[in-house]
Amino acid sequence: MAEKKISFYERMQALDRRYIFLVVALAIIIPFLIPFNSKTYVTEPSENIYKKIDSFAGRKDRAVLLSFTHDASTMAELFPMEVAILRHCFERNIPVFTICFLPQAKPLMDYALQVAKEGYEVQSGIDYVNFGYKPWAIFVPLLLKMGDDIADAVETDDEGRIVKNLEIMKEIKNYNEMNLIVDFSGSAAGLRWITYARAKFGANVALGVTAVMAADNYIYLQSGQLTGMLGGLKGAAEYEKLVDVFATYKELDENGILKPAPREFSKEIIKESWIKMSDIKNRQHKTARIGMNAQTVAHIMIIVFIVLGNIGYFVSKRKTKKVS
């Protein structure tokens, strides 16, 4: 008696799920180990944050406040965007302040500063100030008080220094000068900045949020209450690209030496730019783009398995009907 021929789709239906898990795991691991170039399309919410921060370049009477409102569980999505924005500020000589209201966010904030400072000659108290951890209970009172006088609201920084005596504070008093707040969170914490700092004092507010929280905040973008937003790993990858294409751009001088040559934001340049991942030596500066590569390949593999599985199911069902 001839053996019954088993079709490809039937084989797929009978495939041990452990092989599927193995393929998906490799699809994630390999792009991490061997980064490759992929196209990163920059969206308007990311562009708007970049342009607002870049408009402060070289000015001592404009500053950015970064608020860290998350723990390590959302670090994969939020940490790359934090480092990218800090690099942007350091590269363009923009005063930057950092603060957190969760104790578990404190080491993440310190680590982001440590990573972003590599390669830059920036000094605490002159180029940036870390306000450190402040209890959540005083979040709103402190936020409101900063609208009048930052140095009065936050009396000492993370190193115990009197804030009003720091050189960075000479031309910075309140939200008129600290003109952009970017809150990083995996929750709705950023809404407090919109409700109070934006509504009462007219401060510009932007968010860096996890992908699942992005949809909840688009209404604030549409209403103009948010200057911009970075959503998940995709938003972080977009900002990494903007920093590399514009803020940290280098050109060869007459001696053939690469020198910093920051350039103005341009949609045309973004379309034409192609950055080799191998040219970016510091892995921390391309974390989000490497992550997006892995995420893309894994999603494609999952889609392939879903399609094959569904085809196999209907082929098997059709055969069963014919037999009966």
Protein backbone atom coordinates (compact mmCIF):
# COMPACT_ATOMS: atom_id res chain seq x y z
CA MET A 1 0.00 0.00 0.00
CA ALA A 2 1.40 3.41 -1.04
CA GLU A 3 2.27 5.82 1.72
CA LYS A 4 0.04 8.86 2.03
CA LYS A 5 1.83 11.96 0.75
CA ILE A 6 2.06 14.73 3.35
CA SER A 7 1.90 18.26 2.00
CA PHE A 8 4.19 21.12 3.08
CA TYR A 9 1.35 22.83 4.94
CA GLU A 10 0.50 19.68 6.84
CA ARG A 11 4.15 19.39 7.86
CA MET A 12 3.99 22.97 9.13
CA GLN A 13 0.85 22.16 11.11
CA ALA A 14 2.64 19.26 12.77
CA LEU A 15 5.87 21.20 13.40
CA ASP A 16 7.10 21.08 16.99
CA ARG A 17 6.48 24.52 18.50
CA ARG A 18 9.98 24.49 20.01
CA TYR A 19 11.40 24.97 16.49
CA ILE A 20 9.19 28.01 16.04
CA PHE A 21 10.42 29.47 19.34
CA LEU A 22 14.02 28.78 18.24
CA VAL A 23 13.57 30.56 14.89
CA VAL A 24 11.98 33.61 16.54
CA ALA A 25 14.75 33.70 19.16
CA LEU A 26 17.42 33.65 16.44
CA ALA A 27 15.52 36.36 14.54
CA ILE A 28 15.88 38.58 17.62
CA ILE A 29 19.42 37.63 18.66
CA ILE A 30 21.22 37.78 15.30
CA PRO A 31 20.33 41.44 14.47
CA PHE A 32 21.60 42.40 17.93
CA LEU A 33 24.92 40.66 17.33
CA ILE A 34 25.28 41.74 13.69
CA PRO A 35 23.70 45.22 13.29
CA PHE A 36 22.65 46.10 9.74
CA ASN A 37 21.44 49.24 8.00
CA SER A 38 17.70 49.72 7.72
CA LYS A 39 15.62 52.73 6.74
CA THR A 40 14.39 54.83 9.67
CA TYR A 41 11.51 57.12 8.69
CA VAL A 42 11.29 60.19 10.93
CA THR A 43 7.80 61.32 11.93
CA GLU A 44 6.61 64.84 12.68
CA PRO A 45 6.22 64.46 16.50
CA SER A 46 9.92 63.48 16.71
CA GLU A 47 10.95 66.25 14.33
CA ASN A 48 9.14 68.85 16.42
CA ILE A 49 11.01 67.93 19.61
CA TYR A 50 14.31 68.02 17.76
CA LYS A 51 13.60 71.42 16.19
CA LYS A 52 12.44 72.95 19.48
CA ILE A 53 15.57 71.77 21.36
CA ASP A 54 17.85 72.78 18.50
CA SER A 55 16.39 76.29 18.52
CA PHE A 56 18.02 76.71 21.97
CA ALA A 57 21.51 75.95 20.63
CA GLY A 58 24.24 78.13 22.14
CA ARG A 59 21.80 80.13 24.27
CA LYS A 60 22.36 80.40 28.01
CA ASP A 61 18.87 81.83 28.56
CA ARG A 62 17.13 78.69 27.28
CA ALA A 63 17.20 75.25 28.85
CA VAL A 64 15.58 71.81 28.75
CA LEU A 65 14.21 69.87 31.73
CA LEU A 66 14.16 66.07 31.47
CA SER A 67 11.86 64.29 33.93
CA PHE A 68 12.46 60.55 34.47
CA THR A 69 9.24 58.88 35.61
CA HIS A 70 9.81 55.18 35.01
CA ASP A 71 11.57 52.10 36.31
CA ALA A 72 13.78 49.46 34.70
CA SER A 73 10.81 47.56 33.18
CA THR A 74 10.44 50.24 30.48
CA MET A 75 14.15 50.98 30.11
CA ALA A 76 14.47 49.18 26.76
CA GLU A 77 12.18 51.73 25.07
CA LEU A 78 12.86 54.90 27.07
CA PHE A 79 16.59 54.78 27.83
CA PRO A 80 17.76 55.19 24.18
CA MET A 81 15.61 58.31 23.71
CA GLU A 82 16.90 59.80 26.98
CA VAL A 83 20.52 59.32 25.91
CA ALA A 84 19.79 60.72 22.43
CA ILE A 85 18.22 63.92 23.80
CA LEU A 86 21.02 64.41 26.33
CA ARG A 87 23.59 63.98 23.53
CA HIS A 88 21.71 66.55 21.46
CA CYS A 89 21.83 69.06 24.33
CA PHE A 90 25.52 68.46 25.07
CA GLU A 91 26.47 68.63 21.39
CA ARG A 92 24.66 71.92 20.83
CA ASN A 93 25.66 73.58 24.14
CA ILE A 94 22.13 73.64 25.51
CA PRO A 95 21.73 73.83 29.32
CA VAL A 96 19.90 70.75 30.54
CA PHE A 97 18.35 69.80 33.89
CA THR A 98 17.31 66.33 35.06
CA ILE A 99 14.89 65.33 37.80
CA CYS A 100 12.94 62.27 38.94
CA PHE A 101 10.05 61.66 41.34
CA LEU A 102 10.38 57.88 41.68
CA PRO A 103 13.24 56.36 43.73
CA GLN A 104 13.63 53.54 41.20
CA ALA A 105 14.20 56.13 38.44
CA LYS A 106 17.20 57.70 40.17
CA PRO A 107 19.86 55.13 39.09
CA LEU A 108 18.45 55.13 35.54
CA MET A 109 18.72 58.92 35.36
CA ASP A 110 22.29 58.84 36.65
CA TYR A 111 23.21 56.11 34.18
CA ALA A 112 21.70 58.03 31.23
CA LEU A 113 23.80 61.07 32.16
CA GLN A 114 26.92 58.92 32.52
CA VAL A 115 26.44 57.33 29.07
CA ALA A 116 25.50 60.59 27.31
CA LYS A 117 28.51 62.49 28.73
CA GLU A 118 31.04 60.13 27.11
CA GLY A 119 33.01 62.10 24.56
CA TYR A 120 31.84 65.51 25.78
CA GLU A 121 33.63 67.96 28.04
CA VAL A 122 30.58 69.00 30.03
CA GLN A 123 30.57 70.08 33.66
CA SER A 124 27.90 69.72 36.29
CA GLY A 125 26.64 73.10 37.44
CA ILE A 126 27.80 74.78 34.22
CA ASP A 127 26.45 72.73 31.32
CA TYR A 128 23.90 70.61 33.17
CA VAL A 129 22.39 70.08 36.62
CA ASN A 130 21.00 66.89 38.09
CA PHE A 131 18.28 67.83 40.59
CA GLY A 132 18.17 64.20 41.72
CA TYR A 133 15.23 62.42 43.34
CA LYS A 134 12.32 64.37 44.81
CA PRO A 135 9.39 62.66 46.59
CA TRP A 136 6.26 62.10 44.52
CA ALA A 137 4.18 63.86 47.20
CA ILE A 138 5.73 67.22 46.29
CA PHE A 139 5.54 66.73 42.51
CA VAL A 140 2.70 69.18 41.86
CA PRO A 141 3.77 71.82 44.46
CA LEU A 142 7.33 71.75 43.12
CA LEU A 143 6.11 71.88 39.52
CA LEU A 144 4.01 74.96 40.28
CA LYS A 145 6.76 76.65 42.27
CA MET A 146 9.21 76.24 39.39
CA GLY A 147 6.86 78.42 37.36
CA ASP A 148 7.88 81.32 39.60
CA ASP A 149 11.47 80.52 40.55
CA ILE A 150 13.33 77.26 39.86
CA ALA A 151 16.12 77.96 42.36
CA ASP A 152 13.53 78.64 45.08
CA ALA A 153 11.57 75.46 44.22
CA VAL A 154 14.61 73.18 44.04
CA GLU A 155 16.98 74.61 46.63
CA THR A 156 19.76 72.02 46.31
CA ASP A 157 20.88 69.69 43.52
CA ASP A 158 21.85 66.02 43.70
CA GLU A 159 25.33 66.95 44.93
CA GLY A 160 23.99 69.12 47.75
CA ARG A 161 24.96 72.42 46.12
CA ILE A 162 22.78 75.53 46.42
CA VAL A 163 21.04 75.76 43.04
CA LYS A 164 20.82 79.55 42.91
CA ASN A 165 24.63 79.79 43.26
CA LEU A 166 25.35 77.57 40.23
CA GLU A 167 26.74 79.23 37.10
CA ILE A 168 24.10 77.60 34.89
CA MET A 169 21.36 79.52 36.74
CA LYS A 170 22.65 83.02 35.87
CA GLU A 171 20.19 83.50 33.02
CA ILE A 172 17.58 80.89 33.98
CA LYS A 173 14.77 81.69 36.38
CA ASN A 174 11.53 79.82 35.51
CA TYR A 175 9.63 78.21 32.63
CA ASN A 176 10.24 81.28 30.47
CA GLU A 177 13.87 80.16 30.23
CA MET A 178 13.53 76.44 31.01
CA ASN A 179 11.32 76.45 27.97
CA LEU A 180 10.84 72.74 27.27
CA ILE A 181 9.97 69.87 29.62
CA VAL A 182 10.32 66.31 28.33
CA ASP A 183 8.79 63.64 30.56
CA PHE A 184 9.81 59.99 30.04
CA SER A 185 7.30 57.48 31.37
CA GLY A 186 5.34 54.32 30.73
CA SER A 187 2.24 55.83 32.34
CA ALA A 188 0.10 58.99 32.26
CA ALA A 189 2.54 60.90 34.50
CA GLY A 190 3.30 63.39 31.73
CA LEU A 191 -0.26 64.73 31.87
CA ARG A 192 0.58 66.64 35.05
CA TRP A 193 3.11 68.70 33.14
CA ILE A 194 0.43 69.45 30.53
CA THR A 195 -2.20 70.26 33.17
CA TYR A 196 -0.05 72.60 35.26
CA ALA A 197 3.19 73.68 33.54
CA ARG A 198 1.56 74.02 30.12
CA ALA A 199 -1.88 75.35 31.09
CA LYS A 200 -0.80 77.72 33.88
CA PHE A 201 2.62 78.91 32.70
CA GLY A 202 2.60 78.22 28.96
CA ALA A 203 5.64 75.94 29.14
CA ASN A 204 6.37 73.72 26.16
CA VAL A 205 5.86 70.05 27.05
CA ALA A 206 6.92 66.92 25.15
CA LEU A 207 6.72 63.24 26.05
CA GLY A 208 8.85 60.15 25.64
CA VAL A 209 6.52 57.20 26.21
CA THR A 210 6.34 53.47 25.67
CA ALA A 211 4.68 52.29 22.46
CA VAL A 212 1.50 51.16 24.24
CA MET A 213 1.05 54.63 25.79
CA ALA A 214 1.60 56.58 22.56
CA ALA A 215 -1.99 56.21 21.30
CA ASP A 216 -3.37 57.74 24.51
CA ASN A 217 -1.34 60.92 23.97
CA TYR A 218 -2.01 61.70 20.30
CA ILE A 219 -5.01 63.81 21.26
CA TYR A 220 -2.66 66.19 23.10
CA LEU A 221 -0.49 66.45 20.00
CA GLN A 222 -3.54 67.26 17.88
CA SER A 223 -4.73 69.90 20.35
CA GLY A 224 -1.29 71.56 20.43
CA GLN A 225 -0.81 70.88 24.15
CA LEU A 226 2.24 68.76 23.35
CA THR A 227 5.18 70.11 21.38
CA GLY A 228 6.10 66.59 20.27
CA MET A 229 6.32 62.97 21.32
CA LEU A 230 8.67 60.01 21.02
CA GLY A 231 6.72 56.76 20.97
CA GLY A 232 8.50 53.58 21.98
CA LEU A 233 11.61 52.17 20.34
CA LYS A 234 10.57 53.63 16.98
CA GLY A 235 10.54 57.17 18.41
CA ALA A 236 13.91 56.59 20.05
CA ALA A 237 15.38 55.32 16.75
CA GLU A 238 14.05 58.41 14.97
CA TYR A 239 15.69 60.77 17.46
CA GLU A 240 18.98 58.86 17.32
CA LYS A 241 18.95 59.36 13.56
CA LEU A 242 18.16 63.09 13.84
CA VAL A 243 21.07 63.60 16.25
CA ASP A 244 23.48 61.72 13.97
CA VAL A 245 22.31 63.40 10.76
CA PHE A 246 22.28 66.97 12.13
CA ALA A 247 23.68 67.65 15.63
CA THR A 248 26.76 65.38 15.54
CA TYR A 249 27.39 65.65 11.81
CA LYS A 250 31.07 65.92 10.82
CA GLU A 251 32.83 67.12 7.67
CA LEU A 252 36.40 66.80 6.39
CA ASP A 253 38.46 69.99 6.69
CA GLU A 254 41.25 71.06 4.30
CA ASN A 255 43.67 68.70 6.09
CA GLY A 256 41.36 65.72 5.65
CA ILE A 257 40.41 65.65 9.36
CA LEU A 258 36.81 65.10 10.44
CA LYS A 259 35.53 68.13 12.33
CA PRO A 260 32.12 68.77 13.95
CA ALA A 261 29.85 70.62 11.52
CA PRO A 262 26.28 70.71 12.94
CA ARG A 263 23.71 71.54 10.28
CA GLU A 264 20.20 72.93 10.27
CA PHE A 265 17.22 70.59 10.22
CA SER A 266 16.03 69.78 6.71
CA LYS A 267 13.46 67.27 5.49
CA GLU A 268 15.39 66.89 2.26
CA ILE A 269 18.58 65.93 4.08
CA ILE A 270 16.67 63.33 6.12
CA LYS A 271 15.34 61.71 2.93
CA GLU A 272 18.79 61.58 1.37
CA SER A 273 20.76 60.56 4.47
CA TRP A 274 21.98 56.99 4.86
CA ILE A 275 23.99 56.31 7.98
CA LYS A 276 26.18 53.24 8.14
CA MET A 277 25.71 51.53 11.47
CA SER A 278 29.38 50.50 11.37
CA ASP A 279 30.40 54.18 11.32
CA ILE A 280 28.81 54.74 14.74
CA LYS A 281 31.44 53.38 17.10
CA ASN A 282 29.56 53.78 20.39
CA ARG A 283 26.92 51.06 20.57
CA GLN A 284 24.90 53.11 23.08
CA HIS A 285 24.35 55.75 20.36
CA LYS A 286 22.55 53.27 18.09
CA THR A 287 20.74 51.12 20.67
CA ALA A 288 17.24 51.94 19.42
CA ARG A 289 18.08 51.33 15.76
CA ILE A 290 19.65 47.96 16.56
CA GLY A 291 16.55 47.14 18.61
CA MET A 292 14.29 48.16 15.71
CA ASN A 293 16.20 45.81 13.39
CA ALA A 294 15.64 42.90 15.76
CA GLN A 295 12.00 43.87 16.30
CA THR A 296 11.38 44.11 12.54
CA VAL A 297 12.91 40.73 11.72
CA ALA A 298 11.06 39.04 14.60
CA HIS A 299 7.74 40.56 13.50
CA ILE A 300 8.29 39.36 9.93
CA MET A 301 9.03 35.82 11.13
CA ILE A 302 5.92 35.79 13.34
CA ILE A 303 3.78 37.03 10.43
CA VAL A 304 5.22 34.29 8.18
CA PHE A 305 4.36 31.61 10.76
CA ILE A 306 0.84 33.03 11.21
CA VAL A 307 0.20 33.04 7.44
CA LEU A 308 1.58 29.51 6.98
CA GLY A 309 -0.36 28.26 9.99
CA ASN A 310 -3.65 29.67 8.69
CA ILE A 311 -3.09 28.31 5.19
CA GLY A 312 -2.23 24.91 6.66
CA TYR A 313 -5.38 24.97 8.79
CA PHE A 314 -7.70 25.66 5.86
CA VAL A 315 -5.90 23.14 3.59
CA SER A 316 -6.29 20.44 6.26
CA LYS A 317 -9.93 21.37 6.80
CA ARG A 318 -10.65 21.17 3.07
CA LYS A 319 -9.04 17.72 2.82
CA THR A 320 -11.04 16.49 5.79
CA LYS A 321 -14.28 17.61 4.08
CA LYS A 322 -13.34 15.80 0.86
CA VAL A 323 -12.64 12.56 2.75
CA SER A 324 -15.96 12.73 4.61
